[in-house]
Amino acid sequence: MTIAEDATILSGGVVFDAGWLRCVVTASRRPDELIVKIPNIPGAVAPPTFFVDPSIVRPKTKPMVGVDVDATVKVLLLETREQEAVVEVPGEPVSYGPKLLVPLDLLN
């Protein structure tokens, strides 16, 4: 995995490496958010799903309500292990997004 563009994120005064996590996105009914789903998480009953600011998403095509579009979402790399990584999705300053354990092959 290579980290080039936007290689770090400042969170709570600490600089973390950043990466891009493969996902699918759907447009929300609100213009200031997208709905992100992370497929292929081992052991997950359903894909983790959450709202994010569109500025941290790179969709392959324009997201539309009710239509899944392949994309990547910017994440903080909290910990990298042999086959997986602990990532956190950037969010509001008071309540950062979810922490996820993801296979390394989902990261770009």
Protein backbone atom coordinates (compact mmCIF):
# COMPACT_ATOMS: atom_id res chain seq x y z
CA MET A 1 0.00 0.00 0.00
CA THR A 2 1.28 3.42 -0.86
CA ILE A 3 0.18 6.65 0.78
CA ALA A 4 0.80 9.65 -1.41
CA GLU A 5 -1.91 12.25 -1.81
CA ASP A 6 -3.25 13.77 1.42
CA ALA A 7 -0.84 11.53 3.32
CA THR A 8 -1.74 12.70 6.82
CA ILE A 9 -4.70 13.87 8.89
CA LEU A 10 -4.46 15.93 12.08
CA SER A 11 -6.78 14.62 14.80
CA GLY A 12 -6.71 15.80 18.40
CA GLY A 13 -3.27 17.32 17.93
CA VAL A 14 -1.85 14.01 16.63
CA VAL A 15 -0.84 13.46 13.00
CA PHE A 16 -2.01 10.13 11.56
CA ASP A 17 -1.21 8.56 8.21
CA ALA A 18 -4.20 8.67 5.89
CA GLY A 19 -5.37 6.19 3.29
CA TRP A 20 -8.29 5.57 0.97
CA LEU A 21 -10.67 2.71 1.81
CA ARG A 22 -12.71 1.09 -0.96
CA CYS A 23 -16.43 1.44 -0.40
CA VAL A 24 -19.75 2.04 -2.10
CA VAL A 25 -21.63 5.31 -1.70
CA THR A 26 -25.19 6.44 -2.15
CA ALA A 27 -26.41 10.01 -2.19
CA SER A 28 -28.28 11.10 0.91
CA ARG A 29 -31.38 13.24 0.73
CA ARG A 30 -29.18 15.99 2.22
CA PRO A 31 -26.60 17.63 -0.08
CA ASP A 32 -23.97 17.87 2.67
CA GLU A 33 -23.58 14.11 3.25
CA LEU A 34 -23.14 10.78 1.50
CA ILE A 35 -24.02 7.31 2.77
CA VAL A 36 -20.94 5.04 2.81
CA LYS A 37 -21.01 1.23 3.02
CA ILE A 38 -17.88 -0.87 3.51
CA PRO A 39 -18.42 -4.30 1.92
CA ASN A 40 -16.29 -7.40 2.43
CA ILE A 41 -15.49 -6.96 6.13
CA PRO A 42 -14.80 -10.48 7.46
CA GLY A 43 -17.19 -11.46 10.23
CA ALA A 44 -19.55 -8.52 9.69
CA VAL A 45 -23.23 -9.47 9.67
CA ALA A 46 -23.96 -6.46 7.44
CA PRO A 47 -21.66 -3.92 5.79
CA PRO A 48 -20.77 -1.06 8.17
CA THR A 49 -22.78 1.95 6.97
CA PHE A 50 -22.44 5.61 8.00
CA PHE A 51 -22.82 9.20 6.82
CA VAL A 52 -19.79 11.25 5.74
CA ASP A 53 -18.99 14.65 4.31
CA PRO A 54 -18.71 14.44 0.49
CA SER A 55 -15.28 16.12 0.63
CA ILE A 56 -13.67 12.88 1.89
CA VAL A 57 -15.16 10.62 -0.79
CA ARG A 58 -13.92 9.87 -4.30
CA PRO A 59 -16.84 8.32 -6.21
CA LYS A 60 -16.25 6.76 -9.64
CA THR A 61 -19.50 8.33 -10.87
CA LYS A 62 -21.93 10.85 -9.41
CA PRO A 63 -23.77 9.33 -6.41
CA MET A 64 -27.56 9.19 -6.66
CA VAL A 65 -30.21 8.39 -4.04
CA GLY A 66 -30.82 4.63 -3.92
CA VAL A 67 -27.95 3.72 -6.27
CA ASP A 68 -24.67 2.23 -4.99
CA VAL A 69 -21.55 3.68 -6.66
CA ASP A 70 -18.00 2.35 -6.24
CA ALA A 71 -15.80 4.85 -4.40
CA THR A 72 -13.06 5.34 -1.85
CA VAL A 73 -13.37 7.18 1.47
CA LYS A 74 -10.48 8.87 3.25
CA VAL A 75 -9.58 7.23 6.57
CA LEU A 76 -7.03 7.62 9.36
CA LEU A 77 -4.67 4.66 9.68
CA LEU A 78 -4.60 4.09 13.43
CA GLU A 79 -2.76 0.76 13.37
CA THR A 80 -1.45 -1.50 10.63
CA ARG A 81 -1.07 -5.23 11.23
CA GLU A 82 0.11 -8.10 9.04
CA GLN A 83 -3.09 -8.60 7.02
CA GLU A 84 -5.38 -5.86 8.35
CA ALA A 85 -5.56 -2.29 9.59
CA VAL A 86 -7.54 -0.37 12.19
CA VAL A 87 -8.95 2.72 10.49
CA GLU A 88 -11.14 5.59 11.58
CA VAL A 89 -13.40 7.60 9.33
CA PRO A 90 -13.05 11.37 9.76
CA GLY A 91 -16.15 13.11 11.04
CA GLU A 92 -17.24 15.89 13.32
CA PRO A 93 -14.56 17.15 15.75
CA VAL A 94 -16.62 16.08 18.78
CA SER A 95 -17.51 12.59 17.58
CA TYR A 96 -15.19 11.06 15.02
CA GLY A 97 -16.57 8.34 12.80
CA PRO A 98 -16.42 4.61 13.36
CA LYS A 99 -13.25 2.62 13.94
CA LEU A 100 -13.08 -0.43 11.68
CA LEU A 101 -10.81 -3.44 11.36
CA VAL A 102 -10.40 -3.91 7.62
CA PRO A 103 -8.34 -6.19 5.37
CA LEU A 104 -5.31 -4.36 3.93
CA ASP A 105 -6.44 -5.18 0.40
CA LEU A 106 -9.41 -2.78 0.83
CA LEU A 107 -6.99 0.15 1.21
CA ASN A 108 -5.59 2.08 -1.75
